[in-house]
Amino acid sequence: MKKLLRLITFLTLVLALTIGPISFATANDTADDPPPADHLSLDFHIPPPPMPSTPTTEPELPEDGLFYTGRVMGLFEYPGARYPFSLISPQYVRVLEEYGDWLKIGTWIGPRWIYLNFTPPTNGLDNLMRRFPNTSVFFYNTETSFSYSWNGDRQFFGASISKAFYALYLYQRAERGEIDLNSYITFTQADRNAGSGIINRSYPVGTQFTIRRLLELNLYESDNVATNMLRRTFGLDGYRRFIAELGGNSGLVRYNVFNSQLTANEAGLLAQAIWEYIESDGRYSEEFRLALLNNQFPFMVSDYPVASKTGWTSPIAWHDMAFVYADSPYILIIMSARAGWTARDYRDFEEISMYFQEFNDRWF
């Protein structure tokens, strides 16, 4: 036992002489200070940030000297350093100095720098998506506004994803008092459609539905007849103007709504408007959110609750638009030109969606 203790003491001294002391000092230490920034491992390539320019105005530090990083960030030796030597998790840090978009903070190894415009590396996402031809992706973290897109401007047959955008249009009109969701619309022969949904196969022509019920079926059952009844009643002119006001391309809107053309980038833009509404205190926001949470045909998977709208038209469209309620929520849209419904299709969407979940969990 004594020999073992002597050996441990000897190794401890050697380690101390080799590494040297580690400083945990931060500026203006008080009992209320946050602990020095904790770190994460760094095991991948991150592109260097740009060299800082000389600030033209005196920087404004937070009043209490604290700053919340909000996400994983690189830790640098000095402003303009080519690569971070470590990472810090989302946390409050003590700000010691500001230089342009760079902050010097107290860390577990003394003062170091973070770059406010630091963005996560996406080379892993690129490598993933290269394996899936005829597929587009749009990712958006709702807390930081970080976005990523792959093949984002390719046009697809939009299928039923567009039904969610038409629903947003009608819910927002209802918010303004232009539509009474408890009023009725009658199912007519002209509304019939042999595609997805329950109205065509379960209800006779002449059945009346409230607008509220049609919106629900339009979303979680992806009911084509419900969409046709809504579109017949409220038309497309106002909807096209609505899409244009959101920054979308109204020229992609087609007669049946669900036969519109769509890109992942455009879907991402409109999905952000949906997220903003369903997370607001709007009168009908929760109805909309619950209908998306009740989607009967999800293609993506997640360890978190998912509100989503899927769309499919074999053999040219197999899409999913998901609002993922992770610790840091995100939007993920996968659009693909494939027939769908096979085990391979589900596996592909599972692999893509889980990779993006891991990416989001790691960085946000």
Protein backbone atom coordinates (compact mmCIF):
# COMPACT_ATOMS: atom_id res chain seq x y z
CA MET A 1 0.00 0.00 0.00
CA LYS A 2 2.81 2.48 0.88
CA LYS A 3 4.50 1.73 -2.45
CA LEU A 4 1.22 2.45 -4.25
CA LEU A 5 0.78 5.77 -2.43
CA ARG A 6 4.34 6.80 -3.25
CA LEU A 7 3.73 5.94 -6.91
CA ILE A 8 0.52 8.02 -7.02
CA THR A 9 2.30 10.98 -5.38
CA PHE A 10 5.17 10.74 -7.86
CA LEU A 11 2.80 10.63 -10.88
CA THR A 12 0.82 13.59 -9.55
CA LEU A 13 3.99 15.68 -9.27
CA VAL A 14 5.07 14.73 -12.78
CA LEU A 15 1.63 15.66 -14.17
CA ALA A 16 1.65 19.02 -12.38
CA LEU A 17 5.13 19.87 -13.68
CA THR A 18 4.16 18.83 -17.21
CA ILE A 19 0.83 20.69 -17.50
CA GLY A 20 1.42 23.64 -15.21
CA PRO A 21 -1.23 25.55 -13.30
CA ILE A 22 -4.69 26.15 -14.80
CA SER A 23 -6.26 29.53 -14.11
CA PHE A 24 -9.94 29.87 -13.33
CA ALA A 25 -9.74 33.62 -12.80
CA THR A 26 -12.42 35.91 -14.20
CA ALA A 27 -12.67 39.68 -14.08
CA ASN A 28 -14.45 41.34 -11.17
CA ASP A 29 -15.02 38.10 -9.28
CA THR A 30 -17.96 38.32 -6.87
CA ALA A 31 -20.11 35.81 -5.05
CA ASP A 32 -22.81 36.36 -7.71
CA ASP A 33 -20.55 35.79 -10.72
CA PRO A 34 -21.29 32.85 -13.00
CA PRO A 35 -18.71 30.10 -12.93
CA PRO A 36 -16.06 30.21 -15.66
CA ALA A 37 -17.38 29.03 -19.00
CA ASP A 38 -17.61 25.26 -19.20
CA HIS A 39 -16.24 23.58 -22.30
CA LEU A 40 -17.13 20.86 -24.77
CA SER A 41 -14.82 18.68 -26.83
CA LEU A 42 -13.78 19.76 -30.30
CA ASP A 43 -13.39 16.92 -32.76
CA PHE A 44 -14.21 18.30 -36.19
CA HIS A 45 -13.16 21.00 -38.63
CA ILE A 46 -14.72 24.45 -38.26
CA PRO A 47 -14.13 27.16 -40.91
CA PRO A 48 -12.31 30.18 -39.50
CA PRO A 49 -14.26 33.39 -38.80
CA PRO A 50 -13.30 36.60 -40.61
CA MET A 51 -10.70 38.94 -39.21
CA PRO A 52 -12.31 41.65 -37.08
CA SER A 53 -12.45 45.23 -38.23
CA THR A 54 -11.57 48.04 -35.87
CA PRO A 55 -14.75 49.17 -34.07
CA THR A 56 -15.84 52.67 -35.11
CA THR A 57 -17.84 53.28 -31.93
CA GLU A 58 -17.28 52.51 -28.30
CA PRO A 59 -18.73 49.03 -27.65
CA GLU A 60 -21.61 48.68 -25.21
CA LEU A 61 -21.12 45.90 -22.68
CA PRO A 62 -24.12 44.32 -20.94
CA GLU A 63 -25.07 46.39 -17.91
CA ASP A 64 -24.32 43.58 -15.47
CA GLY A 65 -21.34 42.29 -17.45
CA LEU A 66 -23.14 39.01 -18.22
CA PHE A 67 -23.93 37.56 -21.62
CA TYR A 68 -25.95 34.45 -22.49
CA THR A 69 -24.38 32.63 -25.42
CA GLY A 70 -27.66 30.93 -26.34
CA ARG A 71 -25.93 28.11 -28.20
CA VAL A 72 -22.68 26.23 -28.54
CA MET A 73 -19.90 28.59 -29.59
CA GLY A 74 -16.24 28.33 -30.51
CA LEU A 75 -13.58 29.47 -28.04
CA PHE A 76 -10.63 31.35 -29.55
CA GLU A 77 -7.23 32.49 -28.31
CA TYR A 78 -7.60 35.96 -29.84
CA PRO A 79 -9.89 37.88 -32.26
CA GLY A 80 -9.42 36.67 -35.81
CA ALA A 81 -7.87 33.35 -34.80
CA ARG A 82 -8.33 30.84 -37.61
CA TYR A 83 -9.78 28.00 -35.54
CA PRO A 84 -11.38 27.59 -32.11
CA PHE A 85 -9.41 25.38 -29.77
CA SER A 86 -12.51 24.31 -27.83
CA LEU A 87 -16.27 24.82 -27.54
CA ILE A 88 -18.53 26.18 -24.82
CA SER A 89 -22.09 25.07 -24.20
CA PRO A 90 -25.01 27.57 -23.97
CA GLN A 91 -24.50 29.46 -20.69
CA TYR A 92 -24.07 32.84 -19.00
CA VAL A 93 -20.52 34.18 -19.22
CA ARG A 94 -18.73 37.16 -17.71
CA VAL A 95 -17.81 39.69 -20.43
CA LEU A 96 -14.39 41.25 -19.94
CA GLU A 97 -13.95 43.15 -23.20
CA GLU A 98 -15.71 43.69 -26.53
CA TYR A 99 -14.05 44.14 -29.93
CA GLY A 100 -16.41 44.33 -32.89
CA ASP A 101 -18.24 40.99 -33.04
CA TRP A 102 -15.84 39.43 -30.54
CA LEU A 103 -16.23 39.15 -26.77
CA LYS A 104 -13.49 38.32 -24.30
CA ILE A 105 -14.96 36.20 -21.52
CA GLY A 106 -13.84 34.45 -18.37
CA THR A 107 -13.31 30.73 -18.91
CA TRP A 108 -11.99 27.70 -17.05
CA ILE A 109 -8.53 28.52 -18.43
CA GLY A 110 -8.63 32.26 -18.02
CA PRO A 111 -9.78 34.99 -20.44
CA ARG A 112 -10.55 33.81 -24.00
CA TRP A 113 -12.59 35.07 -26.96
CA ILE A 114 -15.91 34.09 -28.55
CA TYR A 115 -17.16 35.22 -31.95
CA LEU A 116 -20.78 36.40 -31.89
CA ASN A 117 -21.40 35.41 -35.52
CA PHE A 118 -19.96 31.94 -35.02
CA THR A 119 -21.95 29.37 -37.01
CA PRO A 120 -21.93 25.61 -36.60
CA PRO A 121 -20.02 23.58 -39.19
CA THR A 122 -22.31 22.03 -41.79
CA ASN A 123 -19.88 19.75 -43.61
CA GLY A 124 -21.46 16.76 -41.87
CA LEU A 125 -24.89 17.80 -43.12
CA ASP A 126 -23.51 18.19 -46.63
CA ASN A 127 -21.97 14.72 -46.53
CA LEU A 128 -25.27 13.27 -45.31
CA MET A 129 -27.39 14.88 -48.01
CA ARG A 130 -25.04 13.86 -50.84
CA ARG A 131 -26.23 10.32 -50.21
CA PHE A 132 -29.85 11.20 -51.04
CA PRO A 133 -30.41 12.27 -54.66
CA ASN A 134 -33.62 14.04 -55.65
CA THR A 135 -33.99 15.32 -52.09
CA SER A 136 -34.06 18.83 -50.65
CA VAL A 137 -33.83 19.95 -47.03
CA PHE A 138 -34.49 23.13 -45.10
CA PHE A 139 -33.52 23.47 -41.41
CA TYR A 140 -34.22 26.45 -39.14
CA ASN A 141 -33.49 26.84 -35.44
CA THR A 142 -36.27 29.03 -34.06
CA GLU A 143 -34.23 30.50 -31.18
CA THR A 144 -31.15 31.62 -33.10
CA SER A 145 -32.52 31.94 -36.68
CA PHE A 146 -29.67 29.73 -37.89
CA SER A 147 -30.73 28.07 -41.14
CA TYR A 148 -29.36 25.46 -43.51
CA SER A 149 -30.65 24.36 -46.85
CA TRP A 150 -29.63 21.66 -49.31
CA ASN A 151 -30.84 21.79 -52.91
CA GLY A 152 -33.27 24.37 -51.55
CA ASP A 153 -34.37 25.98 -54.81
CA ARG A 154 -35.37 22.83 -56.64
CA GLN A 155 -39.07 22.84 -57.51
CA PHE A 156 -41.17 19.85 -56.51
CA PHE A 157 -44.81 18.98 -56.86
CA GLY A 158 -45.83 20.43 -53.48
CA ALA A 159 -48.56 17.87 -52.69
CA SER A 160 -50.34 18.33 -49.36
CA ILE A 161 -47.68 20.37 -47.55
CA SER A 162 -49.33 23.42 -49.12
CA LYS A 163 -52.55 22.66 -47.22
CA ALA A 164 -50.85 23.96 -44.07
CA PHE A 165 -50.14 27.31 -45.74
CA TYR A 166 -53.76 27.62 -46.86
CA ALA A 167 -54.83 26.82 -43.30
CA LEU A 168 -52.60 29.61 -41.98
CA TYR A 169 -54.26 32.00 -44.44
CA LEU A 170 -57.75 31.07 -43.19
CA TYR A 171 -56.87 31.04 -39.49
CA GLN A 172 -55.40 34.51 -39.77
CA ARG A 173 -58.51 35.75 -41.58
CA ALA A 174 -60.54 34.29 -38.72
CA GLU A 175 -58.33 36.21 -36.26
CA ARG A 176 -59.35 39.42 -38.04
CA GLY A 177 -63.04 38.51 -37.81
CA GLU A 178 -63.41 37.91 -41.55
CA ILE A 179 -64.35 34.23 -41.13
CA ASP A 180 -66.57 32.49 -38.58
CA LEU A 181 -65.07 29.05 -37.99
CA ASN A 182 -68.43 27.78 -36.72
CA SER A 183 -70.24 28.50 -40.00
CA TYR A 184 -71.04 25.59 -42.32
CA ILE A 185 -70.01 24.53 -45.80
CA THR A 186 -71.95 21.86 -47.72
CA PHE A 187 -70.17 18.93 -49.39
CA THR A 188 -71.01 19.00 -53.13
CA GLN A 189 -70.33 16.64 -56.01
CA ALA A 190 -67.79 19.13 -57.37
CA ASP A 191 -65.73 18.73 -54.18
CA ARG A 192 -65.18 15.00 -54.64
CA ASN A 193 -61.60 13.79 -54.87
CA ALA A 194 -60.35 10.22 -54.84
CA GLY A 195 -57.17 11.08 -52.94
CA SER A 196 -56.46 11.14 -49.22
CA GLY A 197 -59.04 11.84 -46.56
CA ILE A 198 -62.20 10.47 -44.98
CA ILE A 199 -65.00 12.69 -46.33
CA ASN A 200 -65.11 11.18 -49.82
CA ARG A 201 -65.47 7.61 -48.57
CA SER A 202 -67.46 8.17 -45.38
CA TYR A 203 -69.96 10.99 -45.98
CA PRO A 204 -72.65 11.54 -48.63
CA VAL A 205 -72.89 14.61 -50.81
CA GLY A 206 -74.99 17.19 -48.98
CA THR A 207 -73.28 16.68 -45.59
CA GLN A 208 -72.45 19.95 -43.84
CA PHE A 209 -69.19 20.61 -42.00
CA THR A 210 -68.07 23.59 -39.97
CA ILE A 211 -65.08 25.48 -41.28
CA ARG A 212 -63.28 24.53 -38.08
CA ARG A 213 -63.82 20.82 -38.77
CA LEU A 214 -62.72 21.17 -42.40
CA LEU A 215 -59.51 22.89 -41.31
CA GLU A 216 -58.76 20.05 -38.90
CA LEU A 217 -59.38 17.38 -41.56
CA ASN A 218 -57.37 19.40 -44.09
CA LEU A 219 -54.41 19.21 -41.71
CA TYR A 220 -54.22 15.96 -39.75
CA GLU A 221 -56.12 13.73 -42.20
CA SER A 222 -54.75 15.60 -45.24
CA ASP A 223 -58.31 15.41 -46.59
CA ASN A 224 -58.45 16.53 -50.23
CA VAL A 225 -62.21 17.04 -50.14
CA ALA A 226 -61.92 19.30 -47.08
CA THR A 227 -59.31 21.36 -48.92
CA ASN A 228 -61.52 21.55 -52.02
CA MET A 229 -64.48 22.74 -49.97
CA LEU A 230 -62.40 25.45 -48.30
CA ARG A 231 -60.81 26.54 -51.57
CA ARG A 232 -64.21 26.62 -53.34
CA THR A 233 -65.56 28.88 -50.58
CA PHE A 234 -62.64 31.24 -50.05
CA GLY A 235 -60.83 31.12 -53.40
CA LEU A 236 -57.22 31.66 -54.33
CA ASP A 237 -56.86 35.38 -55.07
CA GLY A 238 -56.55 36.40 -51.43
CA TYR A 239 -54.36 33.38 -50.76
CA ARG A 240 -51.94 34.34 -53.55
CA ARG A 241 -51.69 37.86 -52.13
CA PHE A 242 -51.08 36.37 -48.69
CA ILE A 243 -48.22 34.21 -50.01
CA ALA A 244 -46.68 37.21 -51.75
CA GLU A 245 -46.91 39.32 -48.58
CA LEU A 246 -44.97 36.63 -46.71
CA GLY A 247 -42.24 36.84 -49.35
CA GLY A 248 -43.26 33.70 -51.21
CA ASN A 249 -43.75 33.10 -54.93
CA SER A 250 -47.49 33.34 -55.57
CA GLY A 251 -46.88 32.12 -59.12
CA LEU A 252 -46.29 28.61 -57.75
CA VAL A 253 -49.86 28.40 -56.38
CA ARG A 254 -52.10 26.09 -58.43
CA TYR A 255 -55.87 25.61 -58.58
CA ASN A 256 -56.29 22.84 -56.02
CA VAL A 257 -53.75 24.24 -53.52
CA PHE A 258 -52.23 20.75 -53.10
CA ASN A 259 -51.13 20.65 -56.74
CA SER A 260 -48.98 23.76 -56.26
CA GLN A 261 -45.25 23.78 -56.99
CA LEU A 262 -42.93 24.25 -54.04
CA THR A 263 -39.25 24.48 -53.08
CA ALA A 264 -37.75 23.60 -49.72
CA ASN A 265 -36.60 27.20 -49.26
CA GLU A 266 -40.08 28.57 -49.97
CA ALA A 267 -41.63 25.97 -47.67
CA GLY A 268 -39.12 27.03 -45.01
CA LEU A 269 -40.09 30.67 -45.34
CA LEU A 270 -43.81 29.89 -45.01
CA ALA A 271 -43.18 27.39 -42.21
CA GLN A 272 -41.57 30.16 -40.16
CA ALA A 273 -44.83 32.12 -40.48
CA ILE A 274 -46.75 29.06 -39.26
CA TRP A 275 -44.38 28.67 -36.30
CA GLU A 276 -44.76 32.31 -35.36
CA TYR A 277 -48.55 31.93 -35.37
CA ILE A 278 -48.92 28.61 -33.55
CA GLU A 279 -46.56 29.82 -30.82
CA SER A 280 -48.42 33.12 -30.43
CA ASP A 281 -51.39 33.89 -28.19
CA GLY A 282 -53.73 34.02 -31.18
CA ARG A 283 -57.31 32.93 -30.66
CA TYR A 284 -56.91 29.91 -32.95
CA SER A 285 -53.18 29.26 -32.58
CA GLU A 286 -53.63 26.27 -30.29
CA GLU A 287 -56.22 24.66 -32.60
CA PHE A 288 -53.77 24.90 -35.47
CA ARG A 289 -50.90 23.54 -33.38
CA LEU A 290 -52.92 20.59 -32.06
CA ALA A 291 -54.03 19.64 -35.56
CA LEU A 292 -50.38 19.52 -36.67
CA LEU A 293 -49.42 17.54 -33.58
CA ASN A 294 -52.14 15.03 -34.53
CA ASN A 295 -50.78 14.38 -38.04
CA GLN A 296 -51.88 10.85 -38.96
CA PHE A 297 -49.13 10.28 -41.53
CA PRO A 298 -45.75 11.36 -40.11
CA PHE A 299 -42.66 10.42 -42.14
CA MET A 300 -39.99 11.94 -39.90
CA VAL A 301 -39.08 10.71 -36.42
CA SER A 302 -37.74 12.46 -33.33
CA ASP A 303 -37.20 11.97 -29.62
CA TYR A 304 -39.24 15.15 -29.13
CA PRO A 305 -42.89 16.06 -29.79
CA VAL A 306 -43.41 16.86 -33.48
CA ALA A 307 -46.11 18.95 -35.13
CA SER A 308 -46.05 18.26 -38.85
CA LYS A 309 -47.74 18.29 -42.22
CA THR A 310 -46.89 15.62 -44.76
CA GLY A 311 -47.62 15.41 -48.46
CA TRP A 312 -47.35 12.69 -51.06
CA THR A 313 -48.26 12.02 -54.68
CA SER A 314 -46.79 8.82 -56.05
CA PRO A 315 -44.37 8.62 -57.80
CA ILE A 316 -43.25 12.28 -57.73
CA ALA A 317 -43.62 13.57 -54.18
CA TRP A 318 -42.91 12.34 -50.64
CA HIS A 319 -42.52 15.29 -48.26
CA ASP A 320 -42.64 16.18 -44.59
CA MET A 321 -42.61 19.58 -42.87
CA ALA A 322 -41.96 19.26 -39.14
CA PHE A 323 -41.94 21.63 -36.17
CA VAL A 324 -39.82 19.83 -33.59
CA TYR A 325 -40.27 20.78 -29.93
CA ALA A 326 -36.68 20.11 -28.88
CA ASP A 327 -35.05 21.98 -25.99
CA SER A 328 -34.19 24.49 -28.68
CA PRO A 329 -37.08 24.07 -31.18
CA TYR A 330 -36.44 23.79 -34.90
CA ILE A 331 -38.18 23.44 -38.24
CA LEU A 332 -37.11 20.65 -40.60
CA ILE A 333 -38.48 20.17 -44.10
CA ILE A 334 -37.59 17.21 -46.30
CA MET A 335 -38.86 17.16 -49.89
CA SER A 336 -38.15 14.33 -52.28
CA ALA A 337 -39.15 13.03 -55.69
CA ARG A 338 -39.97 9.41 -54.89
CA ALA A 339 -42.96 7.09 -54.79
CA GLY A 340 -42.88 6.70 -51.02
CA TRP A 341 -44.49 4.27 -48.57
CA THR A 342 -41.70 1.68 -48.70
CA ALA A 343 -39.54 0.64 -45.75
CA ARG A 344 -36.57 2.26 -47.51
CA ASP A 345 -38.40 5.60 -47.76
CA TYR A 346 -39.20 5.57 -44.05
CA ARG A 347 -35.60 4.60 -43.18
CA ASP A 348 -34.21 7.43 -45.29
CA PHE A 349 -36.44 10.01 -43.64
CA GLU A 350 -35.63 8.59 -40.23
CA GLU A 351 -31.89 8.82 -40.87
CA ILE A 352 -32.10 12.39 -42.15
CA SER A 353 -34.41 13.62 -39.40
CA MET A 354 -32.40 12.00 -36.59
CA TYR A 355 -29.12 13.40 -37.95
CA PHE A 356 -30.60 16.90 -37.91
CA GLN A 357 -31.92 16.31 -34.39
CA GLU A 358 -28.41 15.40 -33.23
CA PHE A 359 -27.03 18.46 -35.02
CA ASN A 360 -29.56 20.71 -33.30
CA ASP A 361 -28.99 19.12 -29.89
CA ARG A 362 -25.24 19.53 -30.21
CA TRP A 363 -25.19 23.14 -31.29
CA PHE A 364 -28.34 24.70 -29.84
